PDB file of N, CA and C in Angstrom:
ATOM      1  N   UNK A   1       0.508  -1.813   0.290  1.00  0.00           N
ATOM      2  CA  UNK A   1      -0.224  -0.035  -0.057  1.00  0.00           C
ATOM      3  C   UNK A   1       0.916   1.546  -0.130  1.00  0.00           C
ATOM      4  N   UNK A   2       1.599   0.858   1.120  1.00  0.00           N
ATOM      5  CA  UNK A   2       2.575   2.590   0.813  1.00  0.00           C
ATOM      6  C   UNK A   2       3.700   3.350  -0.342  1.00  0.00           C
ATOM      7  N   UNK A   3       3.504   1.770  -0.824  1.00  0.00           N
ATOM      8  CA  UNK A   3       4.205   1.649  -3.668  1.00  0.00           C
ATOM      9  C   UNK A   3       2.867   1.971  -3.707  1.00  0.00           C
ATOM     10  N   UNK A   4       2.022   2.141  -3.446  1.00  0.00           N
ATOM     11  CA  UNK A   4       0.559   2.579  -4.443  1.00  0.00           C
ATOM     12  C   UNK A   4       0.657   4.662  -3.739  1.00  0.00           C
ATOM     13  N   UNK A   5       1.098   4.638  -2.519  1.00  0.00           N
ATOM     14  CA  UNK A   5       1.097   6.136  -2.061  1.00  0.00           C
ATOM     15  C   UNK A   5       2.875   6.740  -2.713  1.00  0.00           C
ATOM     16  N   UNK A   6       3.173   5.675  -3.103  1.00  0.00           N
ATOM     17  CA  UNK A   6       4.224   6.838  -4.123  1.00  0.00           C
ATOM     18  C   UNK A   6       4.192   7.063  -5.205  1.00  0.00           C
ATOM     19  N   UNK A   7       3.624   6.007  -6.018  1.00  0.00           N
ATOM     20  CA  UNK A   7       3.029   5.850  -6.740  1.00  0.00           C
ATOM     21  C   UNK A   7       2.404   7.580  -7.359  1.00  0.00           C
ATOM     22  N   UNK A   8       1.228   7.484  -6.585  1.00  0.00           N
ATOM     23  CA  UNK A   8       0.365   9.003  -6.965  1.00  0.00           C
ATOM     24  C   UNK A   8       1.106  10.067  -6.174  1.00  0.00           C
ATOM     25  N   UNK A   9       1.561   9.646  -5.331  1.00  0.00           N
ATOM     26  CA  UNK A   9       2.423  11.431  -4.602  1.00  0.00           C
ATOM     27  C   UNK A   9       3.710  11.388  -5.916  1.00  0.00           C
ATOM     28  N   UNK A  10       4.170  10.771  -7.153  1.00  0.00           N
ATOM     29  CA  UNK A  10       4.870  10.877  -8.243  1.00  0.00           C
ATOM     30  C   UNK A  10       4.650  11.498  -9.305  1.00  0.00           C
ATOM     31  N   UNK A  11       3.036  11.192  -9.346  1.00  0.00           N
ATOM     32  CA  UNK A  11       1.849  11.740  -9.981  1.00  0.00           C
ATOM     33  C   UNK A  11       1.426  13.075 -10.077  1.00  0.00           C
ATOM     34  N   UNK A  12       1.683  13.546  -8.927  1.00  0.00           N
ATOM     35  CA  UNK A  12       1.599  14.219  -8.231  1.00  0.00           C
ATOM     36  C   UNK A  12       2.173  15.631  -8.765  1.00  0.00           C
ATOM     37  N   UNK A  13       2.768  14.849  -8.447  1.00  0.00           N
ATOM     38  CA  UNK A  13       4.564  16.063  -8.013  1.00  0.00           C
ATOM     39  C   UNK A  13       4.758  16.285  -9.966  1.00  0.00           C
ATOM     40  N   UNK A  14       4.673  15.448 -11.426  1.00  0.00           N
ATOM     41  CA  UNK A  14       5.038  15.182 -11.951  1.00  0.00           C
ATOM     42  C   UNK A  14       3.789  16.408 -12.721  1.00  0.00           C
ATOM     43  N   UNK A  15       2.476  16.240 -11.838  1.00  0.00           N
ATOM     44  CA  UNK A  15       1.111  16.664 -12.839  1.00  0.00           C
ATOM     45  C   UNK A  15       1.154  18.387 -11.966  1.00  0.00           C
ATOM     46  N   UNK A  16       1.868  18.102 -11.190  1.00  0.00           N
ATOM     47  CA  UNK A  16       1.630  20.201 -10.671  1.00  0.00           C
ATOM     48  C   UNK A  16       3.012  20.771 -11.427  1.00  0.00           C
ATOM     49  N   UNK A  17       4.060  19.717 -12.497  1.00  0.00           N
ATOM     50  CA  UNK A  17       4.966  20.593 -12.729  1.00  0.00           C
ATOM     51  C   UNK A  17       4.786  20.969 -14.587  1.00  0.00           C
ATOM     52  N   UNK A  18       4.050  19.812 -15.034  1.00  0.00           N
ATOM     53  CA  UNK A  18       3.147  20.659 -16.109  1.00  0.00           C
ATOM     54  C   UNK A  18       2.259  20.960 -16.283  1.00  0.00           C
ATOM     55  N   UNK A  19       1.882  21.702 -14.817  1.00  0.00           N
ATOM     56  CA  UNK A  19       0.281  22.953 -14.535  1.00  0.00           C
ATOM     57  C   UNK A  19      -1.053  21.674 -15.090  1.00  0.00           C
ATOM     58  N   UNK A  20      -1.113  20.668 -14.260  1.00  0.00           N
ATOM     59  CA  UNK A  20      -2.448  20.724 -14.693  1.00  0.00           C
ATOM     60  C   UNK A  20      -2.667  20.564 -13.193  1.00  0.00           C
ATOM     61  N   UNK A  21      -3.433  21.800 -12.125  1.00  0.00           N
ATOM     62  CA  UNK A  21      -3.498  21.502 -11.125  1.00  0.00           C
ATOM     63  C   UNK A  21      -4.460  20.428 -10.298  1.00  0.00           C
ATOM     64  N   UNK A  22      -5.408  20.244 -10.982  1.00  0.00           N
ATOM     65  CA  UNK A  22      -7.272  19.676 -10.866  1.00  0.00           C
ATOM     66  C   UNK A  22      -6.180  18.132 -10.959  1.00  0.00           C
ATOM     67  N   UNK A  23      -5.444  17.681 -11.110  1.00  0.00           N
ATOM     68  CA  UNK A  23      -4.571  16.578 -11.769  1.00  0.00           C
ATOM     69  C   UNK A  23      -3.933  15.968 -10.224  1.00  0.00           C
ATOM     70  N   UNK A  24      -3.151  17.145 -10.090  1.00  0.00           N
ATOM     71  CA  UNK A  24      -2.033  17.210  -9.257  1.00  0.00           C
ATOM     72  C   UNK A  24      -2.621  17.153  -7.549  1.00  0.00           C
ATOM     73  N   UNK A  25      -3.799  18.180  -7.693  1.00  0.00           N
ATOM     74  CA  UNK A  25      -4.390  17.744  -6.119  1.00  0.00           C
ATOM     75  C   UNK A  25      -5.082  16.476  -6.452  1.00  0.00           C
ATOM     76  N   UNK A  26      -6.045  15.957  -6.939  1.00  0.00           N
ATOM     77  CA  UNK A  26      -6.422  14.635  -7.086  1.00  0.00           C
ATOM     78  C   UNK A  26      -5.373  13.585  -6.655  1.00  0.00           C
ATOM     79  N   UNK A  27      -4.031  13.487  -7.422  1.00  0.00           N
ATOM     80  CA  UNK A  27      -3.401  12.687  -6.786  1.00  0.00           C
ATOM     81  C   UNK A  27      -2.767  12.268  -5.035  1.00  0.00           C
ATOM     82  N   UNK A  28      -2.531  14.116  -5.322  1.00  0.00           N
ATOM     83  CA  UNK A  28      -1.557  14.689  -3.795  1.00  0.00           C
ATOM     84  C   UNK A  28      -3.193  13.686  -2.853  1.00  0.00           C
ATOM     85  N   UNK A  29      -4.657  14.058  -2.802  1.00  0.00           N
ATOM     86  CA  UNK A  29      -5.595  13.856  -1.901  1.00  0.00           C
ATOM     87  C   UNK A  29      -5.780  12.141  -1.463  1.00  0.00           C
ATOM     88  N   UNK A  30      -5.094  11.329  -3.059  1.00  0.00           N
ATOM     89  CA  UNK A  30      -5.107  10.254  -2.999  1.00  0.00           C
ATOM     90  C   UNK A  30      -4.015   9.395  -2.137  1.00  0.00           C
ATOM     91  N   UNK A  31      -1.910  10.284  -2.524  1.00  0.00           N
ATOM     92  CA  UNK A  31      -1.613   9.910  -1.809  1.00  0.00           C
ATOM     93  C   UNK A  31      -1.952   9.467  -0.081  1.00  0.00           C
ATOM     94  N   UNK A  32      -2.382  11.230   0.274  1.00  0.00           N
ATOM     95  CA  UNK A  32      -2.885  10.655   1.442  1.00  0.00           C
ATOM     96  C   UNK A  32      -3.526  10.263   2.032  1.00  0.00           C
ATOM     97  N   UNK A  33      -4.976  10.016   1.330  1.00  0.00           N
ATOM     98  CA  UNK A  33      -6.108   8.901   1.953  1.00  0.00           C
ATOM     99  C   UNK A  33      -4.708   8.131   2.138  1.00  0.00           C
ATOM    100  N   UNK A  34      -4.191   7.714   1.167  1.00  0.00           N
ATOM    101  CA  UNK A  34      -3.675   5.594   1.022  1.00  0.00           C
ATOM    102  C   UNK A  34      -2.792   6.302   2.020  1.00  0.00           C
ATOM    103  N   UNK A  35      -1.441   6.823   2.351  1.00  0.00           N
ATOM    104  CA  UNK A  35      -0.633   7.302   4.102  1.00  0.00           C
ATOM    105  C   UNK A  35      -1.810   6.924   4.714  1.00  0.00           C
ATOM    106  N   UNK A  36      -2.392   7.046   4.874  1.00  0.00           N
ATOM    107  CA  UNK A  36      -3.227   7.493   6.338  1.00  0.00           C
ATOM    108  C   UNK A  36      -4.106   6.707   6.682  1.00  0.00           C
ATOM    109  N   UNK A  37      -4.035   5.825   5.792  1.00  0.00           N
ATOM    110  CA  UNK A  37      -4.487   4.043   6.096  1.00  0.00           C
ATOM    111  C   UNK A  37      -3.095   2.856   6.394  1.00  0.00           C
ATOM    112  N   UNK A  38      -2.720   3.218   5.470  1.00  0.00           N
ATOM    113  CA  UNK A  38      -1.049   2.871   5.518  1.00  0.00           C
ATOM    114  C   UNK A  38      -0.883   2.187   6.715  1.00  0.00           C
ATOM    115  N   UNK A  39      -0.210   4.122   7.268  1.00  0.00           N
ATOM    116  CA  UNK A  39      -0.466   3.550   9.034  1.00  0.00           C
ATOM    117  C   UNK A  39      -1.215   3.230  10.177  1.00  0.00           C
ATOM    118  N   UNK A  40      -2.446   3.311   9.364  1.00  0.00           N
ATOM    119  CA  UNK A  40      -3.402   3.293  10.727  1.00  0.00           C
ATOM    120  C   UNK A  40      -3.031   0.977  10.449  1.00  0.00           C
ATOM    121  N   UNK A  41      -3.241   0.131   9.458  1.00  0.00           N
ATOM    122  CA  UNK A  41      -2.561  -0.219   9.550  1.00  0.00           C
ATOM    123  C   UNK A  41      -1.584  -1.222   9.962  1.00  0.00           C
ATOM    124  N   UNK A  42      -0.631  -0.285   9.896  1.00  0.00           N
ATOM    125  CA  UNK A  42       0.454  -0.621  10.623  1.00  0.00           C
ATOM    126  C   UNK A  42       0.351  -0.102  12.320  1.00  0.00           C
ATOM    127  N   UNK A  43      -0.083   0.022  12.242  1.00  0.00           N
ATOM    128  CA  UNK A  43      -0.051   0.552  13.944  1.00  0.00           C
ATOM    129  C   UNK A  43      -1.207  -0.488  14.485  1.00  0.00           C
ATOM    130  N   UNK A  44      -2.448  -0.632  14.350  1.00  0.00           N
ATOM    131  CA  UNK A  44      -2.837  -1.591  14.313  1.00  0.00           C
ATOM    132  C   UNK A  44      -2.211  -3.782  14.063  1.00  0.00           C
ATOM    133  N   UNK A  45      -1.078  -3.368  12.656  1.00  0.00           N
ATOM    134  CA  UNK A  45      -0.575  -4.789  13.327  1.00  0.00           C
ATOM    135  C   UNK A  45       0.674  -4.859  14.226  1.00  0.00           C
ATOM    136  N   UNK A  46       0.863  -4.252  14.365  1.00  0.00           N
ATOM    137  CA  UNK A  46       2.004  -4.147  15.481  1.00  0.00           C
ATOM    138  C   UNK A  46       1.570  -4.316  17.473  1.00  0.00           C
ATOM    139  N   UNK A  47       0.231  -4.018  17.173  1.00  0.00           N
ATOM    140  CA  UNK A  47      -0.395  -4.018  18.375  1.00  0.00           C
ATOM    141  C   UNK A  47      -1.239  -5.394  18.561  1.00  0.00           C
ATOM    142  N   UNK A  48      -1.258  -6.165  17.287  1.00  0.00           N
ATOM    143  CA  UNK A  48      -1.655  -7.246  16.854  1.00  0.00           C
ATOM    144  C   UNK A  48      -0.537  -8.505  17.505  1.00  0.00           C
ATOM    145  N   UNK A  49       1.045  -7.355  16.625  1.00  0.00           N
ATOM    146  CA  UNK A  49       1.955  -8.572  17.379  1.00  0.00           C
ATOM    147  C   UNK A  49       2.023  -8.807  18.656  1.00  0.00           C
ATOM    148  N   UNK A  50       2.452  -7.322  19.442  1.00  0.00           N
ATOM    149  CA  UNK A  50       2.893  -7.139  20.888  1.00  0.00           C
ATOM    150  C   UNK A  50       1.625  -7.705  21.166  1.00  0.00           C
ATOM    151  N   UNK A  51       0.252  -8.446  21.108  1.00  0.00           N
ATOM    152  CA  UNK A  51      -0.659  -9.255  22.385  1.00  0.00           C
ATOM    153  C   UNK A  51      -0.222 -10.243  21.655  1.00  0.00           C
ATOM    154  N   UNK A  52      -0.343 -10.914  20.450  1.00  0.00           N
ATOM    155  CA  UNK A  52       0.150 -12.006  20.342  1.00  0.00           C
ATOM    156  C   UNK A  52       1.439 -12.632  20.358  1.00  0.00           C
ATOM    157  N   UNK A  53       2.551 -12.196  21.451  1.00  0.00           N
ATOM    158  CA  UNK A  53       3.983 -12.713  21.269  1.00  0.00           C
ATOM    159  C   UNK A  53       3.398 -11.725  23.082  1.00  0.00           C
ATOM    160  N   UNK A  54       2.908 -11.455  23.185  1.00  0.00           N
ATOM    161  CA  UNK A  54       1.909 -11.131  25.406  1.00  0.00           C
ATOM    162  C   UNK A  54       2.667 -10.261  26.081  1.00  0.00           C
ATOM    163  N   UNK A  55       3.761  -9.484  24.719  1.00  0.00           N
ATOM    164  CA  UNK A  55       4.069  -8.036  25.510  1.00  0.00           C
ATOM    165  C   UNK A  55       3.567  -7.030  26.112  1.00  0.00           C
TER     166      UNK A  55
END
């Protein structure tokens, strides 16, 4: 999922360089949403791993 975030971030930067503001804003928004979903899933997996080991 983090790789998709990076893809959308690169698309947003390239679109911004070429002057496509709407596409850049959309791609940046998607990248931001995917990044936060990745963070939530990462924290959940850390908590689940810690409870499974009994820490």
